PDB file of N, CA and C in Angstrom:
ATOM      1  N   UNK A   1       0.815  -1.184   0.000  1.00  0.00           N
ATOM      2  CA  UNK A   1       0.000   0.000   0.000  1.00  0.00           C
ATOM      3  C   UNK A   1       0.870   1.264   0.000  1.00  0.00           C
ATOM      4  N   UNK A   2       1.993   1.212   0.745  1.00  0.00           N
ATOM      5  CA  UNK A   2       2.888   2.364   0.808  1.00  0.00           C
ATOM      6  C   UNK A   2       3.474   2.669  -0.566  1.00  0.00           C
ATOM      7  N   UNK A   3       3.795   1.634  -1.330  1.00  0.00           N
ATOM      8  CA  UNK A   3       4.356   1.831  -2.663  1.00  0.00           C
ATOM      9  C   UNK A   3       3.334   2.507  -3.572  1.00  0.00           C
ATOM     10  N   UNK A   4       2.094   2.046  -3.514  1.00  0.00           N
ATOM     11  CA  UNK A   4       1.055   2.663  -4.329  1.00  0.00           C
ATOM     12  C   UNK A   4       0.832   4.118  -3.948  1.00  0.00           C
ATOM     13  N   UNK A   5       0.840   4.396  -2.666  1.00  0.00           N
ATOM     14  CA  UNK A   5       0.670   5.767  -2.207  1.00  0.00           C
ATOM     15  C   UNK A   5       1.842   6.645  -2.660  1.00  0.00           C
ATOM     16  N   UNK A   6       3.047   6.110  -2.596  1.00  0.00           N
ATOM     17  CA  UNK A   6       4.229   6.852  -3.043  1.00  0.00           C
ATOM     18  C   UNK A   6       4.131   7.173  -4.520  1.00  0.00           C
ATOM     19  N   UNK A   7       3.781   6.194  -5.336  1.00  0.00           N
ATOM     20  CA  UNK A   7       3.647   6.429  -6.773  1.00  0.00           C
ATOM     21  C   UNK A   7       2.511   7.417  -7.069  1.00  0.00           C
ATOM     22  N   UNK A   8       1.414   7.313  -6.322  1.00  0.00           N
ATOM     23  CA  UNK A   8       0.299   8.238  -6.540  1.00  0.00           C
ATOM     24  C   UNK A   8       0.700   9.668  -6.193  1.00  0.00           C
ATOM     25  N   UNK A   9       1.420   9.846  -5.098  1.00  0.00           N
ATOM     26  CA  UNK A   9       1.872  11.183  -4.723  1.00  0.00           C
ATOM     27  C   UNK A   9       2.884  11.732  -5.723  1.00  0.00           C
ATOM     28  N   UNK A  10       3.800  10.889  -6.184  1.00  0.00           N
ATOM     29  CA  UNK A  10       4.781  11.332  -7.180  1.00  0.00           C
ATOM     30  C   UNK A  10       4.088  11.695  -8.490  1.00  0.00           C
ATOM     31  N   UNK A  11       3.123  10.901  -8.895  1.00  0.00           N
ATOM     32  CA  UNK A  11       2.386  11.188 -10.125  1.00  0.00           C
ATOM     33  C   UNK A  11       1.611  12.491  -9.988  1.00  0.00           C
ATOM     34  N   UNK A  12       0.973  12.692  -8.845  1.00  0.00           N
ATOM     35  CA  UNK A  12       0.219  13.926  -8.627  1.00  0.00           C
ATOM     36  C   UNK A  12       1.151  15.138  -8.631  1.00  0.00           C
ATOM     37  N   UNK A  13       2.302  14.999  -8.003  1.00  0.00           N
ATOM     38  CA  UNK A  13       3.251  16.119  -7.963  1.00  0.00           C
ATOM     39  C   UNK A  13       3.754  16.467  -9.356  1.00  0.00           C
ATOM     40  N   UNK A  14       4.129  15.465 -10.134  1.00  0.00           N
ATOM     41  CA  UNK A  14       4.619  15.760 -11.484  1.00  0.00           C
ATOM     42  C   UNK A  14       3.498  16.318 -12.354  1.00  0.00           C
ATOM     43  N   UNK A  15       2.306  15.800 -12.184  1.00  0.00           N
ATOM     44  CA  UNK A  15       1.167  16.311 -12.952  1.00  0.00           C
ATOM     45  C   UNK A  15       0.894  17.772 -12.598  1.00  0.00           C
ATOM     46  N   UNK A  16       0.888  18.083 -11.301  1.00  0.00           N
ATOM     47  CA  UNK A  16       0.632  19.458 -10.882  1.00  0.00           C
ATOM     48  C   UNK A  16       1.719  20.410 -11.370  1.00  0.00           C
ATOM     49  N   UNK A  17       2.969  19.950 -11.369  1.00  0.00           N
ATOM     50  CA  UNK A  17       4.045  20.797 -11.900  1.00  0.00           C
ATOM     51  C   UNK A  17       3.826  21.087 -13.381  1.00  0.00           C
ATOM     52  N   UNK A  18       3.457  20.067 -14.130  1.00  0.00           N
ATOM     53  CA  UNK A  18       3.234  20.265 -15.566  1.00  0.00           C
ATOM     54  C   UNK A  18       2.012  21.157 -15.810  1.00  0.00           C
ATOM     55  N   UNK A  19       0.938  20.960 -15.066  1.00  0.00           N
ATOM     56  CA  UNK A  19      -0.255  21.782 -15.223  1.00  0.00           C
ATOM     57  C   UNK A  19       0.055  23.230 -14.854  1.00  0.00           C
ATOM     58  N   UNK A  20       0.804  23.420 -13.770  1.00  0.00           N
ATOM     59  CA  UNK A  20       1.147  24.765 -13.355  1.00  0.00           C
ATOM     60  C   UNK A  20       1.914  25.499 -14.457  1.00  0.00           C
ATOM     61  N   UNK A  21       2.851  24.817 -15.098  1.00  0.00           N
ATOM     62  CA  UNK A  21       3.617  25.454 -16.159  1.00  0.00           C
ATOM     63  C   UNK A  21       2.717  25.797 -17.343  1.00  0.00           C
ATOM     64  N   UNK A  22       1.729  24.968 -17.604  1.00  0.00           N
ATOM     65  CA  UNK A  22       0.816  25.237 -18.712  1.00  0.00           C
ATOM     66  C   UNK A  22      -0.109  26.406 -18.382  1.00  0.00           C
ATOM     67  N   UNK A  23      -0.679  26.396 -17.190  1.00  0.00           N
ATOM     68  CA  UNK A  23      -1.622  27.440 -16.800  1.00  0.00           C
ATOM     69  C   UNK A  23      -0.909  28.775 -16.587  1.00  0.00           C
ATOM     70  N   UNK A  24       0.203  28.752 -15.878  1.00  0.00           N
ATOM     71  CA  UNK A  24       0.913  29.993 -15.569  1.00  0.00           C
ATOM     72  C   UNK A  24       1.812  30.445 -16.712  1.00  0.00           C
ATOM     73  N   UNK A  25       1.990  29.598 -17.705  1.00  0.00           N
ATOM     74  CA  UNK A  25       2.900  29.927 -18.805  1.00  0.00           C
ATOM     75  C   UNK A  25       2.549  31.195 -19.526  1.00  0.00           C
ATOM     76  N   UNK A  26       1.250  31.489 -19.662  1.00  0.00           N
ATOM     77  CA  UNK A  26       0.824  32.710 -20.334  1.00  0.00           C
ATOM     78  C   UNK A  26       1.171  33.959 -19.550  1.00  0.00           C
ATOM     79  N   UNK A  27       1.253  33.828 -18.242  1.00  0.00           N
ATOM     80  CA  UNK A  27       1.568  34.971 -17.393  1.00  0.00           C
ATOM     81  C   UNK A  27       3.067  35.159 -17.181  1.00  0.00           C
ATOM     82  N   UNK A  28       3.835  34.137 -17.466  1.00  0.00           N
ATOM     83  CA  UNK A  28       5.280  34.222 -17.293  1.00  0.00           C
ATOM     84  C   UNK A  28       5.909  34.830 -18.541  1.00  0.00           C
ATOM     85  N   UNK A  29       7.014  35.478 -18.353  1.00  0.00           N
ATOM     86  CA  UNK A  29       7.734  36.049 -19.501  1.00  0.00           C
ATOM     87  C   UNK A  29       8.217  34.914 -20.392  1.00  0.00           C
ATOM     88  N   UNK A  30       8.156  35.133 -21.685  1.00  0.00           N
ATOM     89  CA  UNK A  30       8.652  34.119 -22.613  1.00  0.00           C
ATOM     90  C   UNK A  30      10.156  34.034 -22.478  1.00  0.00           C
ATOM     91  N   UNK A  31      10.596  32.952 -21.902  1.00  0.00           N
ATOM     92  CA  UNK A  31      12.016  32.782 -21.634  1.00  0.00           C
ATOM     93  C   UNK A  31      12.446  31.408 -22.131  1.00  0.00           C
ATOM     94  N   UNK A  32      13.471  31.383 -22.956  1.00  0.00           N
ATOM     95  CA  UNK A  32      13.986  30.093 -23.433  1.00  0.00           C
ATOM     96  C   UNK A  32      14.564  29.286 -22.276  1.00  0.00           C
ATOM     97  N   UNK A  33      15.170  29.969 -21.316  1.00  0.00           N
ATOM     98  CA  UNK A  33      15.746  29.271 -20.162  1.00  0.00           C
ATOM     99  C   UNK A  33      14.657  28.592 -19.335  1.00  0.00           C
ATOM    100  N   UNK A  34      13.553  29.284 -19.093  1.00  0.00           N
ATOM    101  CA  UNK A  34      12.454  28.706 -18.327  1.00  0.00           C
ATOM    102  C   UNK A  34      11.842  27.514 -19.062  1.00  0.00           C
ATOM    103  N   UNK A  35      11.704  27.637 -20.368  1.00  0.00           N
ATOM    104  CA  UNK A  35      11.161  26.526 -21.156  1.00  0.00           C
ATOM    105  C   UNK A  35      12.072  25.319 -21.093  1.00  0.00           C
ATOM    106  N   UNK A  36      13.373  25.552 -21.179  1.00  0.00           N
ATOM    107  CA  UNK A  36      14.329  24.441 -21.111  1.00  0.00           C
ATOM    108  C   UNK A  36      14.301  23.773 -19.742  1.00  0.00           C
ATOM    109  N   UNK A  37      14.206  24.569 -18.681  1.00  0.00           N
ATOM    110  CA  UNK A  37      14.167  23.999 -17.334  1.00  0.00           C
ATOM    111  C   UNK A  37      12.872  23.241 -17.068  1.00  0.00           C
ATOM    112  N   UNK A  38      11.745  23.755 -17.538  1.00  0.00           N
ATOM    113  CA  UNK A  38      10.473  23.078 -17.286  1.00  0.00           C
ATOM    114  C   UNK A  38      10.389  21.751 -18.033  1.00  0.00           C
ATOM    115  N   UNK A  39      11.079  21.639 -19.169  1.00  0.00           N
ATOM    116  CA  UNK A  39      11.080  20.379 -19.911  1.00  0.00           C
ATOM    117  C   UNK A  39      11.857  19.300 -19.176  1.00  0.00           C
ATOM    118  N   UNK A  40      12.705  19.694 -18.228  1.00  0.00           N
ATOM    119  CA  UNK A  40      13.530  18.718 -17.498  1.00  0.00           C
ATOM    120  C   UNK A  40      12.894  18.245 -16.196  1.00  0.00           C
ATOM    121  N   UNK A  41      11.762  18.814 -15.807  1.00  0.00           N
ATOM    122  CA  UNK A  41      11.154  18.472 -14.524  1.00  0.00           C
ATOM    123  C   UNK A  41      10.727  17.002 -14.481  1.00  0.00           C
ATOM    124  N   UNK A  42       9.969  16.560 -15.463  1.00  0.00           N
ATOM    125  CA  UNK A  42       9.470  15.185 -15.446  1.00  0.00           C
ATOM    126  C   UNK A  42      10.599  14.160 -15.531  1.00  0.00           C
ATOM    127  N   UNK A  43      11.559  14.296 -16.460  1.00  0.00           N
ATOM    128  CA  UNK A  43      12.667  13.328 -16.467  1.00  0.00           C
ATOM    129  C   UNK A  43      13.465  13.331 -15.164  1.00  0.00           C
ATOM    130  N   UNK A  44      13.625  14.483 -14.534  1.00  0.00           N
ATOM    131  CA  UNK A  44      14.375  14.545 -13.277  1.00  0.00           C
ATOM    132  C   UNK A  44      13.645  13.804 -12.159  1.00  0.00           C
ATOM    133  N   UNK A  45      12.337  13.979 -12.086  1.00  0.00           N
ATOM    134  CA  UNK A  45      11.553  13.286 -11.053  1.00  0.00           C
ATOM    135  C   UNK A  45      11.588  11.775 -11.294  1.00  0.00           C
ATOM    136  N   UNK A  46      11.409  11.367 -12.551  1.00  0.00           N
ATOM    137  CA  UNK A  46      11.474   9.932 -12.861  1.00  0.00           C
ATOM    138  C   UNK A  46      12.850   9.360 -12.553  1.00  0.00           C
ATOM    139  N   UNK A  47      13.907  10.095 -12.883  1.00  0.00           N
ATOM    140  CA  UNK A  47      15.261   9.624 -12.595  1.00  0.00           C
ATOM    141  C   UNK A  47      15.476   9.471 -11.088  1.00  0.00           C
ATOM    142  N   UNK A  48      14.963  10.404 -10.314  1.00  0.00           N
ATOM    143  CA  UNK A  48      15.075  10.301  -8.860  1.00  0.00           C
ATOM    144  C   UNK A  48      14.339   9.092  -8.309  1.00  0.00           C
ATOM    145  N   UNK A  49      13.154   8.828  -8.846  1.00  0.00           N
ATOM    146  CA  UNK A  49      12.389   7.658  -8.402  1.00  0.00           C
ATOM    147  C   UNK A  49      13.106   6.366  -8.770  1.00  0.00           C
ATOM    148  N   UNK A  50      13.643   6.315  -9.987  1.00  0.00           N
ATOM    149  CA  UNK A  50      14.350   5.108 -10.426  1.00  0.00           C
ATOM    150  C   UNK A  50      15.613   4.906  -9.604  1.00  0.00           C
ATOM    151  N   UNK A  51      16.375   5.976  -9.388  1.00  0.00           N
ATOM    152  CA  UNK A  51      17.618   5.854  -8.625  1.00  0.00           C
ATOM    153  C   UNK A  51      17.357   5.366  -7.211  1.00  0.00           C
ATOM    154  N   UNK A  52      16.341   5.912  -6.559  1.00  0.00           N
ATOM    155  CA  UNK A  52      16.055   5.469  -5.195  1.00  0.00           C
ATOM    156  C   UNK A  52      15.549   4.027  -5.179  1.00  0.00           C
ATOM    157  N   UNK A  53      14.797   3.637  -6.199  1.00  0.00           N
ATOM    158  CA  UNK A  53      14.308   2.258  -6.255  1.00  0.00           C
ATOM    159  C   UNK A  53      15.390   1.249  -6.564  1.00  0.00           C
ATOM    160  N   UNK A  54      16.403   1.661  -7.327  1.00  0.00           N
ATOM    161  CA  UNK A  54      17.476   0.742  -7.710  1.00  0.00           C
ATOM    162  C   UNK A  54      18.557   0.675  -6.635  1.00  0.00           C
ATOM    163  N   UNK A  55      18.878   1.792  -6.016  1.00  0.00           N
ATOM    164  CA  UNK A  55      20.028   1.849  -5.111  1.00  0.00           C
ATOM    165  C   UNK A  55      19.687   1.721  -3.631  1.00  0.00           C
ATOM    166  N   UNK A  56      18.415   1.757  -3.276  1.00  0.00           N
ATOM    167  CA  UNK A  56      18.036   1.639  -1.867  1.00  0.00           C
ATOM    168  C   UNK A  56      17.140   0.432  -1.649  1.00  0.00           C
ATOM    169  N   UNK A  57      17.431  -0.309  -0.601  1.00  0.00           N
ATOM    170  CA  UNK A  57      16.568  -1.409  -0.183  1.00  0.00           C
ATOM    171  C   UNK A  57      16.217  -1.153   1.275  1.00  0.00           C
ATOM    172  N   UNK A  58      14.944  -0.967   1.548  1.00  0.00           N
ATOM    173  CA  UNK A  58      14.454  -0.649   2.891  1.00  0.00           C
ATOM    174  C   UNK A  58      15.159   0.580   3.450  1.00  0.00           C
ATOM    175  N   UNK A  59      15.444   1.562   2.590  1.00  0.00           N
ATOM    176  CA  UNK A  59      16.036   2.815   3.029  1.00  0.00           C
ATOM    177  C   UNK A  59      17.538   2.816   3.170  1.00  0.00           C
ATOM    178  N   UNK A  60      18.177   1.674   2.958  1.00  0.00           N
ATOM    179  CA  UNK A  60      19.632   1.594   3.086  1.00  0.00           C
ATOM    180  C   UNK A  60      20.258   1.384   1.719  1.00  0.00           C
ATOM    181  N   UNK A  61      21.412   2.028   1.471  1.00  0.00           N
ATOM    182  CA  UNK A  61      22.093   1.810   0.183  1.00  0.00           C
ATOM    183  C   UNK A  61      22.469   0.349   0.005  1.00  0.00           C
ATOM    184  N   UNK A  62      22.356  -0.142  -1.220  1.00  0.00           N
ATOM    185  CA  UNK A  62      22.688  -1.534  -1.499  1.00  0.00           C
ATOM    186  C   UNK A  62      23.218  -1.655  -2.921  1.00  0.00           C
ATOM    187  N   UNK A  63      23.779  -2.808  -3.209  1.00  0.00           N
ATOM    188  CA  UNK A  63      24.233  -3.103  -4.570  1.00  0.00           C
ATOM    189  C   UNK A  63      22.990  -3.430  -5.388  1.00  0.00           C
ATOM    190  N   UNK A  64      22.815  -2.762  -6.531  1.00  0.00           N
ATOM    191  CA  UNK A  64      21.604  -3.015  -7.317  1.00  0.00           C
ATOM    192  C   UNK A  64      21.562  -4.427  -7.895  1.00  0.00           C
ATOM    193  N   UNK A  65      20.353  -4.929  -8.075  1.00  0.00           N
ATOM    194  CA  UNK A  65      20.174  -6.245  -8.677  1.00  0.00           C
ATOM    195  C   UNK A  65      20.439  -6.161 -10.176  1.00  0.00           C
ATOM    196  N   UNK A  66      20.813  -7.292 -10.747  1.00  0.00           N
ATOM    197  CA  UNK A  66      21.138  -7.350 -12.173  1.00  0.00           C
ATOM    198  C   UNK A  66      19.954  -6.897 -13.025  1.00  0.00           C
ATOM    199  N   UNK A  67      18.767  -7.355 -12.682  1.00  0.00           N
ATOM    200  CA  UNK A  67      17.579  -6.992 -13.447  1.00  0.00           C
ATOM    201  C   UNK A  67      17.325  -5.497 -13.450  1.00  0.00           C
ATOM    202  N   UNK A  68      17.525  -4.855 -12.306  1.00  0.00           N
ATOM    203  CA  UNK A  68      17.312  -3.414 -12.217  1.00  0.00           C
ATOM    204  C   UNK A  68      18.322  -2.660 -13.069  1.00  0.00           C
ATOM    205  N   UNK A  69      19.563  -3.094 -13.042  1.00  0.00           N
ATOM    206  CA  UNK A  69      20.601  -2.427 -13.840  1.00  0.00           C
ATOM    207  C   UNK A  69      20.321  -2.598 -15.328  1.00  0.00           C
ATOM    208  N   UNK A  70      19.943  -3.796 -15.741  1.00  0.00           N
ATOM    209  CA  UNK A  70      19.630  -4.035 -17.153  1.00  0.00           C
ATOM    210  C   UNK A  70      18.405  -3.235 -17.593  1.00  0.00           C
ATOM    211  N   UNK A  71      17.416  -3.144 -16.723  1.00  0.00           N
ATOM    212  CA  UNK A  71      16.202  -2.379 -17.048  1.00  0.00           C
ATOM    213  C   UNK A  71      16.517  -0.899 -17.210  1.00  0.00           C
ATOM    214  N   UNK A  72      17.324  -0.348 -16.313  1.00  0.00           N
ATOM    215  CA  UNK A  72      17.700   1.064 -16.409  1.00  0.00           C
ATOM    216  C   UNK A  72      18.521   1.308 -17.673  1.00  0.00           C
ATOM    217  N   UNK A  73      19.442   0.406 -17.972  1.00  0.00           N
ATOM    218  CA  UNK A  73      20.266   0.554 -19.178  1.00  0.00           C
ATOM    219  C   UNK A  73      19.398   0.515 -20.442  1.00  0.00           C
ATOM    220  N   UNK A  74      18.460  -0.415 -20.487  1.00  0.00           N
ATOM    221  CA  UNK A  74      17.574  -0.518 -21.651  1.00  0.00           C
ATOM    222  C   UNK A  74      16.713   0.730 -21.787  1.00  0.00           C
ATOM    223  N   UNK A  75      16.167   1.200 -20.676  1.00  0.00           N
ATOM    224  CA  UNK A  75      15.336   2.407 -20.712  1.00  0.00           C
ATOM    225  C   UNK A  75      16.153   3.609 -21.169  1.00  0.00           C
ATOM    226  N   UNK A  76      17.391   3.711 -20.697  1.00  0.00           N
ATOM    227  CA  UNK A  76      18.250   4.822 -21.095  1.00  0.00           C
ATOM    228  C   UNK A  76      18.496   4.822 -22.599  1.00  0.00           C
ATOM    229  N   UNK A  77      18.817   3.648 -23.133  1.00  0.00           N
ATOM    230  CA  UNK A  77      19.083   3.541 -24.577  1.00  0.00           C
ATOM    231  C   UNK A  77      17.835   3.909 -25.381  1.00  0.00           C
ATOM    232  N   UNK A  78      16.686   3.407 -24.963  1.00  0.00           N
ATOM    233  CA  UNK A  78      15.444   3.686 -25.688  1.00  0.00           C
ATOM    234  C   UNK A  78      15.105   5.177 -25.642  1.00  0.00           C
ATOM    235  N   UNK A  79      15.266   5.790 -24.475  1.00  0.00           N
ATOM    236  CA  UNK A  79      14.970   7.227 -24.365  1.00  0.00           C
ATOM    237  C   UNK A  79      15.933   8.047 -25.213  1.00  0.00           C
ATOM    238  N   UNK A  80      17.196   7.675 -25.233  1.00  0.00           N
ATOM    239  CA  UNK A  80      18.175   8.410 -26.044  1.00  0.00           C
ATOM    240  C   UNK A  80      17.870   8.291 -27.541  1.00  0.00           C
ATOM    241  N   UNK A  81      17.383   7.134 -27.949  1.00  0.00           N
ATOM    242  CA  UNK A  81      17.106   6.935 -29.378  1.00  0.00           C
ATOM    243  C   UNK A  81      15.770   7.512 -29.808  1.00  0.00           C
ATOM    244  N   UNK A  82      14.758   7.406 -28.940  1.00  0.00           N
ATOM    245  CA  UNK A  82      13.421   7.855 -29.325  1.00  0.00           C
ATOM    246  C   UNK A  82      13.087   9.246 -28.804  1.00  0.00           C
ATOM    247  N   UNK A  83      13.723   9.648 -27.714  1.00  0.00           N
ATOM    248  CA  UNK A  83      13.378  10.921 -27.088  1.00  0.00           C
ATOM    249  C   UNK A  83      12.067  10.870 -26.329  1.00  0.00           C
ATOM    250  N   UNK A  84      11.543   9.669 -26.085  1.00  0.00           N
ATOM    251  CA  UNK A  84      10.251   9.509 -25.422  1.00  0.00           C
ATOM    252  C   UNK A  84      10.445   8.766 -24.104  1.00  0.00           C
ATOM    253  N   UNK A  85      10.186   9.458 -22.993  1.00  0.00           N
ATOM    254  CA  UNK A  85      10.374   8.870 -21.672  1.00  0.00           C
ATOM    255  C   UNK A  85       9.371   7.739 -21.423  1.00  0.00           C
ATOM    256  N   UNK A  86       8.160   7.879 -21.933  1.00  0.00           N
ATOM    257  CA  UNK A  86       7.137   6.838 -21.736  1.00  0.00           C
ATOM    258  C   UNK A  86       7.529   5.513 -22.369  1.00  0.00           C
ATOM    259  N   UNK A  87       8.041   5.581 -23.574  1.00  0.00           N
ATOM    260  CA  UNK A  87       8.485   4.353 -24.252  1.00  0.00           C
ATOM    261  C   UNK A  87       9.675   3.752 -23.511  1.00  0.00           C
ATOM    262  N   UNK A  88      10.563   4.596 -23.010  1.00  0.00           N
ATOM    263  CA  UNK A  88      11.703   4.109 -22.228  1.00  0.00           C
ATOM    264  C   UNK A  88      11.257   3.405 -20.961  1.00  0.00           C
ATOM    265  N   UNK A  89      10.242   3.961 -20.304  1.00  0.00           N
ATOM    266  CA  UNK A  89       9.705   3.342 -19.094  1.00  0.00           C
ATOM    267  C   UNK A  89       9.129   1.965 -19.393  1.00  0.00           C
ATOM    268  N   UNK A  90       8.385   1.864 -20.476  1.00  0.00           N
ATOM    269  CA  UNK A  90       7.813   0.566 -20.871  1.00  0.00           C
ATOM    270  C   UNK A  90       8.929  -0.424 -21.202  1.00  0.00           C
ATOM    271  N   UNK A  91       9.948   0.030 -21.916  1.00  0.00           N
ATOM    272  CA  UNK A  91      11.071  -0.853 -22.263  1.00  0.00           C
ATOM    273  C   UNK A  91      11.776  -1.350 -21.007  1.00  0.00           C
ATOM    274  N   UNK A  92      12.002  -0.464 -20.054  1.00  0.00           N
ATOM    275  CA  UNK A  92      12.641  -0.872 -18.804  1.00  0.00           C
ATOM    276  C   UNK A  92      11.809  -1.880 -18.031  1.00  0.00           C
ATOM    277  N   UNK A  93      10.504  -1.655 -17.989  1.00  0.00           N
ATOM    278  CA  UNK A  93       9.627  -2.605 -17.298  1.00  0.00           C
ATOM    279  C   UNK A  93       9.625  -3.967 -17.982  1.00  0.00           C
ATOM    280  N   UNK A  94       9.624  -3.965 -19.322  1.00  0.00           N
ATOM    281  CA  UNK A  94       9.657  -5.230 -20.048  1.00  0.00           C
ATOM    282  C   UNK A  94      10.960  -5.988 -19.804  1.00  0.00           C
ATOM    283  N   UNK A  95      12.079  -5.271 -19.826  1.00  0.00           N
ATOM    284  CA  UNK A  95      13.366  -5.929 -19.574  1.00  0.00           C
ATOM    285  C   UNK A  95      13.411  -6.475 -18.161  1.00  0.00           C
ATOM    286  N   UNK A  96      12.944  -5.705 -17.185  1.00  0.00           N
ATOM    287  CA  UNK A  96      12.935  -6.183 -15.801  1.00  0.00           C
ATOM    288  C   UNK A  96      12.034  -7.409 -15.657  1.00  0.00           C
ATOM    289  N   UNK A  97      10.864  -7.376 -16.284  1.00  0.00           N
ATOM    290  CA  UNK A  97       9.975  -8.539 -16.228  1.00  0.00           C
ATOM    291  C   UNK A  97      10.594  -9.770 -16.864  1.00  0.00           C
ATOM    292  N   UNK A  98      11.279  -9.584 -17.982  1.00  0.00           N
ATOM    293  CA  UNK A  98      11.951 -10.700 -18.645  1.00  0.00           C
ATOM    294  C   UNK A  98      13.055 -11.279 -17.769  1.00  0.00           C
ATOM    295  N   UNK A  99      13.830 -10.403 -17.130  1.00  0.00           N
ATOM    296  CA  UNK A  99      14.902 -10.872 -16.245  1.00  0.00           C
ATOM    297  C   UNK A  99      14.333 -11.645 -15.062  1.00  0.00           C
ATOM    298  N   UNK A 100      13.244 -11.152 -14.503  1.00  0.00           N
ATOM    299  CA  UNK A 100      12.605 -11.854 -13.385  1.00  0.00           C
ATOM    300  C   UNK A 100      12.049 -13.196 -13.846  1.00  0.00           C
ATOM    301  N   UNK A 101      11.448 -13.203 -15.041  1.00  0.00           N
ATOM    302  CA  UNK A 101      10.886 -14.436 -15.591  1.00  0.00           C
ATOM    303  C   UNK A 101      11.966 -15.488 -15.833  1.00  0.00           C
ATOM    304  N   UNK A 102      13.097 -15.050 -16.369  1.00  0.00           N
ATOM    305  CA  UNK A 102      14.213 -15.962 -16.623  1.00  0.00           C
ATOM    306  C   UNK A 102      14.860 -16.405 -15.322  1.00  0.00           C
ATOM    307  N   UNK A 103      14.837 -15.510 -14.329  1.00  0.00           N
ATOM    308  CA  UNK A 103      15.355 -15.866 -13.012  1.00  0.00           C
ATOM    309  C   UNK A 103      16.797 -15.489 -12.769  1.00  0.00           C
ATOM    310  N   UNK A 104      17.328 -14.493 -13.477  1.00  0.00           N
ATOM    311  CA  UNK A 104      18.716 -14.105 -13.256  1.00  0.00           C
ATOM    312  C   UNK A 104      18.843 -12.868 -12.380  1.00  0.00           C
ATOM    313  N   UNK A 105      17.782 -12.353 -11.861  1.00  0.00           N
ATOM    314  CA  UNK A 105      17.923 -11.189 -11.010  1.00  0.00           C
ATOM    315  C   UNK A 105      16.649 -10.804 -10.428  1.00  0.00           C
TER     316      UNK A 105
END
């Protein structure tokens, strides 16, 4: 239940940040710097969630599992090639599921 609540809060926070930029964007000065920074909010939040999920176990730093490392690597490659974070997330989940199914991590 805690995991679901954490994901729901993270999703709500990222959604509210994106909505705020859309709604307040008309009132803000047109700035290329602000546009560039706002485009990095969602990838930064996702990267933070992934890093904490891969590198922490029960709140303590740990050596990441093979499946998690392979999933992150696959997601990174897909995002770099497609420029789409959603497709990268799906690719990472598929790789992690395959690794778990095979039983190597």
